[in-house]
Amino acid sequence: MTLPPSTAGYPAVSDLGKRASVGAKFRGRNRRGLRRWNTLSTITDAEPGRRFGFEVTSVAGLPVARWQCDFEPARDGCVVVESMWERRPGWFKVASSTVTGVWDREQANIAAATLARLKRAAEASR
């Protein structure tokens, strides 16, 4: 997905202000339909214009996922590539999927929805 230059796209992804540094933690507030849940994330990569990544854990400290956005220069701006790696232990998948309503992350197309919101926000700030 092509966005404005990577220096403009990065702040929209890392939306934590000065706290967006490796090792910083932030609370995720998530929703899907009527379901709501919180997570705790730790920033693992914070390279403006290049990469933003974080590890997600449950409120109980169990591993959930790793998310990463890579920014690649393009003629009209930048290309954002979002990746996600599943980290939940097998025994935790049923319980967490029941809470979130997401049984198959790829089928739920979470990354595509996130990128579409990012593109709208970046284009609106031009």
C-alpha atoms as a PDB file:
ATOM      1  CA  MET A   1       0.000   0.000   0.000  1.00  0.00           C
ATOM      2  CA  THR A   2       1.534   3.342  -1.004  1.00  0.00           C
ATOM      3  CA  LEU A   3       1.389   6.152   1.541  1.00  0.00           C
ATOM      4  CA  PRO A   4       2.978   9.581   1.917  1.00  0.00           C
ATOM      5  CA  PRO A   5       6.760   9.508   2.529  1.00  0.00           C
ATOM      6  CA  SER A   6       7.907   7.060   5.203  1.00  0.00           C
ATOM      7  CA  THR A   7       8.706   9.915   7.561  1.00  0.00           C
ATOM      8  CA  ALA A   8       4.988  10.810   7.490  1.00  0.00           C
ATOM      9  CA  GLY A   9       3.719   7.219   7.782  1.00  0.00           C
ATOM     10  CA  TYR A  10       5.879   6.244  10.749  1.00  0.00           C
ATOM     11  CA  PRO A  11       4.260   8.617  13.307  1.00  0.00           C
ATOM     12  CA  ALA A  12       0.821   7.274  12.434  1.00  0.00           C
ATOM     13  CA  VAL A  13       1.963   3.730  13.226  1.00  0.00           C
ATOM     14  CA  SER A  14       4.066   4.529  16.282  1.00  0.00           C
ATOM     15  CA  ASP A  15       1.466   6.962  17.704  1.00  0.00           C
ATOM     16  CA  LEU A  16       3.114   7.013  21.147  1.00  0.00           C
ATOM     17  CA  GLY A  17       4.943  10.328  20.964  1.00  0.00           C
ATOM     18  CA  LYS A  18       8.299  10.408  22.716  1.00  0.00           C
ATOM     19  CA  ARG A  19       7.553   7.068  24.377  1.00  0.00           C
ATOM     20  CA  ALA A  20       8.046   5.227  21.062  1.00  0.00           C
ATOM     21  CA  SER A  21      11.460   3.803  21.952  1.00  0.00           C
ATOM     22  CA  VAL A  22      12.743   0.251  22.224  1.00  0.00           C
ATOM     23  CA  GLY A  23      11.711  -1.244  25.558  1.00  0.00           C
ATOM     24  CA  ALA A  24       8.810   1.160  26.143  1.00  0.00           C
ATOM     25  CA  LYS A  25       5.494  -0.463  27.029  1.00  0.00           C
ATOM     26  CA  PHE A  26       1.975   0.491  26.054  1.00  0.00           C
ATOM     27  CA  ARG A  27      -1.490  -0.876  26.704  1.00  0.00           C
ATOM     28  CA  GLY A  28      -3.532  -1.969  23.718  1.00  0.00           C
ATOM     29  CA  ARG A  29      -7.282  -1.501  23.836  1.00  0.00           C
ATOM     30  CA  ASN A  30      -8.873  -3.798  21.297  1.00  0.00           C
ATOM     31  CA  ARG A  31     -12.381  -4.375  20.035  1.00  0.00           C
ATOM     32  CA  ARG A  32     -14.185  -6.657  17.643  1.00  0.00           C
ATOM     33  CA  GLY A  33     -17.923  -6.159  17.501  1.00  0.00           C
ATOM     34  CA  LEU A  34     -19.155  -6.100  21.094  1.00  0.00           C
ATOM     35  CA  ARG A  35     -16.012  -7.795  22.404  1.00  0.00           C
ATOM     36  CA  ARG A  36     -13.393  -5.711  24.214  1.00  0.00           C
ATOM     37  CA  TRP A  37     -10.015  -6.746  25.651  1.00  0.00           C
ATOM     38  CA  ASN A  38      -6.677  -5.254  26.679  1.00  0.00           C
ATOM     39  CA  THR A  39      -3.116  -6.312  25.955  1.00  0.00           C
ATOM     40  CA  LEU A  40       0.307  -5.137  27.067  1.00  0.00           C
ATOM     41  CA  SER A  41       2.928  -4.500  24.370  1.00  0.00           C
ATOM     42  CA  THR A  42       6.653  -3.863  24.449  1.00  0.00           C
ATOM     43  CA  ILE A  43       8.328  -1.977  21.597  1.00  0.00           C
ATOM     44  CA  THR A  44      11.097  -4.043  19.999  1.00  0.00           C
ATOM     45  CA  ASP A  45      11.908  -1.872  16.970  1.00  0.00           C
ATOM     46  CA  ALA A  46      11.654   1.919  16.683  1.00  0.00           C
ATOM     47  CA  GLU A  47      13.499   3.160  13.618  1.00  0.00           C
ATOM     48  CA  PRO A  48      11.642   6.221  12.243  1.00  0.00           C
ATOM     49  CA  GLY A  49      10.960   5.909   8.543  1.00  0.00           C
ATOM     50  CA  ARG A  50      12.130   2.291   8.498  1.00  0.00           C
ATOM     51  CA  ARG A  51      10.512  -0.059  11.079  1.00  0.00           C
ATOM     52  CA  PHE A  52       8.192  -0.153  14.070  1.00  0.00           C
ATOM     53  CA  GLY A  53       7.638  -3.439  15.894  1.00  0.00           C
ATOM     54  CA  PHE A  54       6.246  -4.693  19.175  1.00  0.00           C
ATOM     55  CA  GLU A  55       5.607  -7.891  21.132  1.00  0.00           C
ATOM     56  CA  VAL A  56       2.095  -8.335  22.519  1.00  0.00           C
ATOM     57  CA  THR A  57       1.278 -10.183  25.731  1.00  0.00           C
ATOM     58  CA  SER A  58      -2.011 -10.869  27.471  1.00  0.00           C
ATOM     59  CA  VAL A  59      -2.811  -8.995  30.666  1.00  0.00           C
ATOM     60  CA  ALA A  60      -1.643 -12.190  32.428  1.00  0.00           C
ATOM     61  CA  GLY A  61       1.751 -11.906  30.690  1.00  0.00           C
ATOM     62  CA  LEU A  62       1.269 -14.743  28.185  1.00  0.00           C
ATOM     63  CA  PRO A  63       2.755 -14.233  24.700  1.00  0.00           C
ATOM     64  CA  VAL A  64       0.184 -13.334  22.046  1.00  0.00           C
ATOM     65  CA  ALA A  65       1.880 -12.007  18.880  1.00  0.00           C
ATOM     66  CA  ARG A  66       4.614  -9.914  17.337  1.00  0.00           C
ATOM     67  CA  TRP A  67       3.562  -7.081  15.008  1.00  0.00           C
ATOM     68  CA  GLN A  68       5.905  -5.190  12.723  1.00  0.00           C
ATOM     69  CA  CYS A  69       5.522  -2.408  10.156  1.00  0.00           C
ATOM     70  CA  ASP A  70       8.311  -1.908   7.626  1.00  0.00           C
ATOM     71  CA  PHE A  71       8.460   1.280   5.556  1.00  0.00           C
ATOM     72  CA  GLU A  72       9.955   1.170   2.066  1.00  0.00           C
ATOM     73  CA  PRO A  73      10.504   4.288  -0.043  1.00  0.00           C
ATOM     74  CA  ALA A  74       8.337   4.576  -3.144  1.00  0.00           C
ATOM     75  CA  ARG A  75       8.088   7.190  -5.888  1.00  0.00           C
ATOM     76  CA  ASP A  76       4.859   8.685  -4.523  1.00  0.00           C
ATOM     77  CA  GLY A  77       5.568   8.157  -0.811  1.00  0.00           C
ATOM     78  CA  CYS A  78       6.240   4.866   0.923  1.00  0.00           C
ATOM     79  CA  VAL A  79       5.036   1.294   0.997  1.00  0.00           C
ATOM     80  CA  VAL A  80       4.066  -0.077   4.406  1.00  0.00           C
ATOM     81  CA  VAL A  81       4.385  -3.817   4.927  1.00  0.00           C
ATOM     82  CA  GLU A  82       2.698  -5.082   8.079  1.00  0.00           C
ATOM     83  CA  SER A  83       3.630  -8.504   9.432  1.00  0.00           C
ATOM     84  CA  MET A  84       2.309 -10.524  12.356  1.00  0.00           C
ATOM     85  CA  TRP A  85       3.709 -13.649  13.983  1.00  0.00           C
ATOM     86  CA  GLU A  86       1.489 -15.765  16.198  1.00  0.00           C
ATOM     87  CA  ARG A  87       3.048 -16.340  19.642  1.00  0.00           C
ATOM     88  CA  ARG A  88       0.161 -17.847  21.638  1.00  0.00           C
ATOM     89  CA  PRO A  89       0.836 -21.266  23.155  1.00  0.00           C
ATOM     90  CA  GLY A  90      -1.533 -23.887  21.699  1.00  0.00           C
ATOM     91  CA  TRP A  91      -3.427 -24.338  24.968  1.00  0.00           C
ATOM     92  CA  PHE A  92      -4.093 -20.565  25.158  1.00  0.00           C
ATOM     93  CA  LYS A  93      -5.575 -20.213  21.649  1.00  0.00           C
ATOM     94  CA  VAL A  94      -9.069 -21.472  22.525  1.00  0.00           C
ATOM     95  CA  ALA A  95      -9.427 -19.201  25.555  1.00  0.00           C
ATOM     96  CA  SER A  96      -8.054 -16.107  23.812  1.00  0.00           C
ATOM     97  CA  SER A  97     -10.029 -16.731  20.615  1.00  0.00           C
ATOM     98  CA  THR A  98     -13.206 -17.010  22.673  1.00  0.00           C
ATOM     99  CA  VAL A  99     -12.487 -13.607  24.236  1.00  0.00           C
ATOM    100  CA  THR A 100     -11.491 -11.869  20.977  1.00  0.00           C
ATOM    101  CA  GLY A 101     -13.767 -13.645  18.526  1.00  0.00           C
ATOM    102  CA  VAL A 102     -10.795 -14.144  16.173  1.00  0.00           C
ATOM    103  CA  TRP A 103     -10.121 -17.819  15.458  1.00  0.00           C
ATOM    104  CA  ASP A 104      -8.103 -17.404  12.263  1.00  0.00           C
ATOM    105  CA  ARG A 105      -6.064 -14.181  12.127  1.00  0.00           C
ATOM    106  CA  GLU A 106      -5.315 -14.485   8.407  1.00  0.00           C
ATOM    107  CA  GLN A 107      -8.944 -15.043   7.506  1.00  0.00           C
ATOM    108  CA  ALA A 108      -9.979 -12.128   9.738  1.00  0.00           C
ATOM    109  CA  ASN A 109      -7.675  -9.991   7.543  1.00  0.00           C
ATOM    110  CA  ILE A 110      -6.633  -7.820  10.482  1.00  0.00           C
ATOM    111  CA  ALA A 111      -3.511  -6.475   8.752  1.00  0.00           C
ATOM    112  CA  ALA A 112      -5.445  -5.298   5.680  1.00  0.00           C
ATOM    113  CA  ALA A 113      -7.958  -3.423   7.848  1.00  0.00           C
ATOM    114  CA  THR A 114      -5.138  -1.814   9.850  1.00  0.00           C
ATOM    115  CA  LEU A 115      -3.318  -0.726   6.694  1.00  0.00           C
ATOM    116  CA  ALA A 116      -6.503   0.727   5.193  1.00  0.00           C
ATOM    117  CA  ARG A 117      -7.045   2.838   8.352  1.00  0.00           C
ATOM    118  CA  LEU A 118      -3.397   3.907   8.262  1.00  0.00           C
ATOM    119  CA  LYS A 119      -3.687   4.975   4.628  1.00  0.00           C
ATOM    120  CA  ARG A 120      -6.832   7.050   5.318  1.00  0.00           C
ATOM    121  CA  ALA A 121      -5.161   8.757   8.282  1.00  0.00           C
ATOM    122  CA  ALA A 122      -1.910   9.464   6.385  1.00  0.00           C
ATOM    123  CA  GLU A 123      -3.729  10.850   3.333  1.00  0.00           C
ATOM    124  CA  ALA A 124      -5.967  13.034   5.513  1.00  0.00           C
ATOM    125  CA  SER A 125      -2.887  14.605   7.146  1.00  0.00           C
ATOM    126  CA  ARG A 126      -1.305  15.645   3.817  1.00  0.00           C
END
